[in-house]
C-alpha atoms as a PDB file:
ATOM      1  CA  MET A   1      77.109  77.340  84.682  1.00  0.00           C
ATOM      2  CA  ALA A   2      75.803  79.328  81.757  1.00  0.00           C
ATOM      3  CA  LYS A   3      77.508  78.400  78.506  1.00  0.00           C
ATOM      4  CA  TYR A   4      78.389  82.011  77.666  1.00  0.00           C
ATOM      5  CA  LYS A   5      80.875  81.849  80.547  1.00  0.00           C
ATOM      6  CA  ASN A   6      82.923  79.428  78.450  1.00  0.00           C
ATOM      7  CA  LEU A   7      83.386  82.055  75.736  1.00  0.00           C
ATOM      8  CA  ILE A   8      86.829  83.661  75.882  1.00  0.00           C
ATOM      9  CA  VAL A   9      85.332  86.847  74.440  1.00  0.00           C
ATOM     10  CA  TRP A  10      82.928  87.064  77.388  1.00  0.00           C
ATOM     11  CA  GLN A  11      85.676  86.248  79.909  1.00  0.00           C
ATOM     12  CA  LYS A  12      87.898  89.040  78.595  1.00  0.00           C
ATOM     13  CA  ALA A  13      84.996  91.517  78.367  1.00  0.00           C
ATOM     14  CA  ASN A  14      84.024  90.664  81.941  1.00  0.00           C
ATOM     15  CA  GLU A  15      87.629  91.204  83.064  1.00  0.00           C
ATOM     16  CA  LEU A  16      87.605  94.610  81.377  1.00  0.00           C
ATOM     17  CA  ALA A  17      84.354  95.619  83.090  1.00  0.00           C
ATOM     18  CA  LEU A  18      85.721  94.602  86.487  1.00  0.00           C
ATOM     19  CA  LYS A  19      88.911  96.583  85.908  1.00  0.00           C
ATOM     20  CA  MET A  20      86.948  99.665  84.863  1.00  0.00           C
ATOM     21  CA  TYR A  21      84.812  99.481  87.984  1.00  0.00           C
ATOM     22  CA  LYS A  22      87.916  99.274  90.155  1.00  0.00           C
ATOM     23  CA  LEU A  23      89.649 102.067  88.250  1.00  0.00           C
ATOM     24  CA  THR A  24      86.732 104.457  88.706  1.00  0.00           C
ATOM     25  CA  GLU A  25      86.593 103.960  92.480  1.00  0.00           C
ATOM     26  CA  ASP A  26      89.164 106.753  92.807  1.00  0.00           C
ATOM     27  CA  PHE A  27      87.437 109.196  90.454  1.00  0.00           C
ATOM     28  CA  PRO A  28      86.283 112.474  92.028  1.00  0.00           C
ATOM     29  CA  LYS A  29      82.983 112.276  93.919  1.00  0.00           C
ATOM     30  CA  LYS A  30      81.642 115.120  91.747  1.00  0.00           C
ATOM     31  CA  GLU A  31      81.791 112.683  88.815  1.00  0.00           C
ATOM     32  CA  THR A  32      79.688 109.961  90.468  1.00  0.00           C
ATOM     33  CA  PHE A  33      76.753 110.671  88.149  1.00  0.00           C
ATOM     34  CA  GLY A  34      78.939 111.885  85.288  1.00  0.00           C
ATOM     35  CA  ILE A  35      81.912 110.190  83.737  1.00  0.00           C
ATOM     36  CA  THR A  36      82.192 107.538  86.478  1.00  0.00           C
ATOM     37  CA  SER A  37      78.697 106.296  85.730  1.00  0.00           C
ATOM     38  CA  GLN A  38      79.140 106.621  81.971  1.00  0.00           C
ATOM     39  CA  LEU A  39      82.410 104.681  81.899  1.00  0.00           C
ATOM     40  CA  ARG A  40      81.066 101.947  84.136  1.00  0.00           C
ATOM     41  CA  ARG A  41      77.892 101.547  82.080  1.00  0.00           C
ATOM     42  CA  ALA A  42      79.820 101.445  78.796  1.00  0.00           C
ATOM     43  CA  ALA A  43      82.296  98.860  80.090  1.00  0.00           C
ATOM     44  CA  LEU A  44      79.613  96.692  81.678  1.00  0.00           C
ATOM     45  CA  SER A  45      77.551  96.864  78.505  1.00  0.00           C
ATOM     46  CA  VAL A  46      80.174  94.860  76.603  1.00  0.00           C
ATOM     47  CA  PRO A  47      79.810  91.563  78.513  1.00  0.00           C
ATOM     48  CA  THR A  48      76.092  92.073  79.159  1.00  0.00           C
ATOM     49  CA  ASN A  49      75.382  92.456  75.453  1.00  0.00           C
ATOM     50  CA  ILE A  50      77.273  89.219  74.804  1.00  0.00           C
ATOM     51  CA  VAL A  51      75.143  87.495  77.455  1.00  0.00           C
ATOM     52  CA  GLU A  52      71.878  88.918  76.142  1.00  0.00           C
ATOM     53  CA  GLY A  53      72.698  88.047  72.545  1.00  0.00           C
ATOM     54  CA  TYR A  54      73.787  84.564  73.541  1.00  0.00           C
ATOM     55  CA  GLY A  55      70.510  84.104  75.387  1.00  0.00           C
ATOM     56  CA  ARG A  56      68.467  84.912  72.277  1.00  0.00           C
ATOM     57  CA  ARG A  57      69.456  81.611  70.652  1.00  0.00           C
ATOM     58  CA  SER A  58      69.548  83.144  67.188  1.00  0.00           C
ATOM     59  CA  LYS A  59      72.683  83.918  65.195  1.00  0.00           C
ATOM     60  CA  THR A  60      71.057  87.035  63.759  1.00  0.00           C
ATOM     61  CA  GLU A  61      70.162  88.346  67.205  1.00  0.00           C
ATOM     62  CA  LEU A  62      73.547  87.388  68.610  1.00  0.00           C
ATOM     63  CA  SER A  63      75.273  89.274  65.806  1.00  0.00           C
ATOM     64  CA  ARG A  64      73.132  92.342  66.528  1.00  0.00           C
ATOM     65  CA  PHE A  65      74.103  92.258  70.202  1.00  0.00           C
ATOM     66  CA  ILE A  66      77.774  91.775  69.310  1.00  0.00           C
ATOM     67  CA  ASP A  67      77.458  94.963  67.238  1.00  0.00           C
ATOM     68  CA  MET A  68      76.149  96.739  70.330  1.00  0.00           C
ATOM     69  CA  ALA A  69      78.990  95.299  72.411  1.00  0.00           C
ATOM     70  CA  ARG A  70      81.486  96.634  69.869  1.00  0.00           C
ATOM     71  CA  GLY A  71      79.924 100.074  70.087  1.00  0.00           C
ATOM     72  CA  SER A  72      80.067 100.006  73.872  1.00  0.00           C
ATOM     73  CA  LEU A  73      83.695  98.943  73.707  1.00  0.00           C
ATOM     74  CA  ALA A  74      84.526 101.926  71.491  1.00  0.00           C
ATOM     75  CA  GLU A  75      82.733 104.182  73.983  1.00  0.00           C
ATOM     76  CA  THR A  76      84.727 102.615  76.832  1.00  0.00           C
ATOM     77  CA  GLU A  77      87.987 103.241  75.002  1.00  0.00           C
ATOM     78  CA  TYR A  78      87.132 106.888  74.391  1.00  0.00           C
ATOM     79  CA  LEU A  79      85.943 107.512  77.953  1.00  0.00           C
ATOM     80  CA  LEU A  80      89.088 105.913  79.364  1.00  0.00           C
ATOM     81  CA  GLU A  81      91.294 108.257  77.349  1.00  0.00           C
ATOM     82  CA  PHE A  82      89.048 111.236  78.145  1.00  0.00           C
ATOM     83  CA  SER A  83      89.268 110.446  81.864  1.00  0.00           C
ATOM     84  CA  GLN A  84      93.033 110.345  81.628  1.00  0.00           C
ATOM     85  CA  SER A  85      93.032 113.708  79.817  1.00  0.00           C
ATOM     86  CA  LEU A  86      91.023 115.174  82.704  1.00  0.00           C
ATOM     87  CA  GLY A  87      93.667 113.913  85.118  1.00  0.00           C
ATOM     88  CA  TYR A  88      91.354 111.412  86.808  1.00  0.00           C
ATOM     89  CA  ILE A  89      93.716 108.545  85.994  1.00  0.00           C
ATOM     90  CA  LYS A  90      97.268 108.897  87.218  1.00  0.00           C
ATOM     91  CA  SER A  91      98.408 105.352  86.399  1.00  0.00           C
ATOM     92  CA  ASP A  92      99.521 103.864  83.112  1.00  0.00           C
ATOM     93  CA  ILE A  93      96.516 102.702  81.080  1.00  0.00           C
ATOM     94  CA  SER A  94      98.448 100.715  78.483  1.00  0.00           C
ATOM     95  CA  GLU A  95      97.360  97.389  80.032  1.00  0.00           C
ATOM     96  CA  LEU A  96      93.717  98.463  79.764  1.00  0.00           C
ATOM     97  CA  GLN A  97      94.221  99.677  76.208  1.00  0.00           C
ATOM     98  CA  THR A  98      95.766  96.316  75.310  1.00  0.00           C
ATOM     99  CA  LEU A  99      92.800  94.515  76.887  1.00  0.00           C
ATOM    100  CA  ILE A 100      90.376  96.717  74.940  1.00  0.00           C
ATOM    101  CA  GLU A 101      92.203  95.880  71.711  1.00  0.00           C
ATOM    102  CA  GLU A 102      92.103  92.182  72.572  1.00  0.00           C
ATOM    103  CA  VAL A 103      88.366  92.286  73.299  1.00  0.00           C
ATOM    104  CA  SER A 104      87.802  94.176  70.045  1.00  0.00           C
ATOM    105  CA  LYS A 105      89.584  91.480  68.032  1.00  0.00           C
ATOM    106  CA  LEU A 106      87.751  88.716  69.880  1.00  0.00           C
ATOM    107  CA  LEU A 107      84.373  90.367  69.239  1.00  0.00           C
ATOM    108  CA  TRP A 108      85.181  90.827  65.563  1.00  0.00           C
ATOM    109  CA  ASN A 109      86.323  87.222  65.124  1.00  0.00           C
ATOM    110  CA  PHE A 110      83.397  85.874  67.125  1.00  0.00           C
ATOM    111  CA  GLN A 111      80.951  87.814  64.966  1.00  0.00           C
ATOM    112  CA  LYS A 112      82.637  86.714  61.733  1.00  0.00           C
ATOM    113  CA  GLY A 113      82.360  83.100  62.858  1.00  0.00           C
ATOM    114  CA  LEU A 114      78.602  83.217  63.370  1.00  0.00           C
END
């Protein structure tokens, strides 16, 4: 098993990406190449940037990729709220917003500890 899988920050980011993929399954078909794709790519970019940075074996590189993960997380948060404003999400998103906040704190603390 890759060692990045032991990182709580990666585990939570991966959970978020999975939840975003499942959430967007019910988005309108007309959005397949629009907001559905954008939200999925942003959410998936968070754990993949952690993995890529971790694979570089350099604290400087890892920190750079954590910065990118933080940017992707902010994009995910915005797109989630935007999707709700469009009426694409009918359910309560507070659990997802809490998870986003948790991942944000974990990324920040992980980066500070490098």
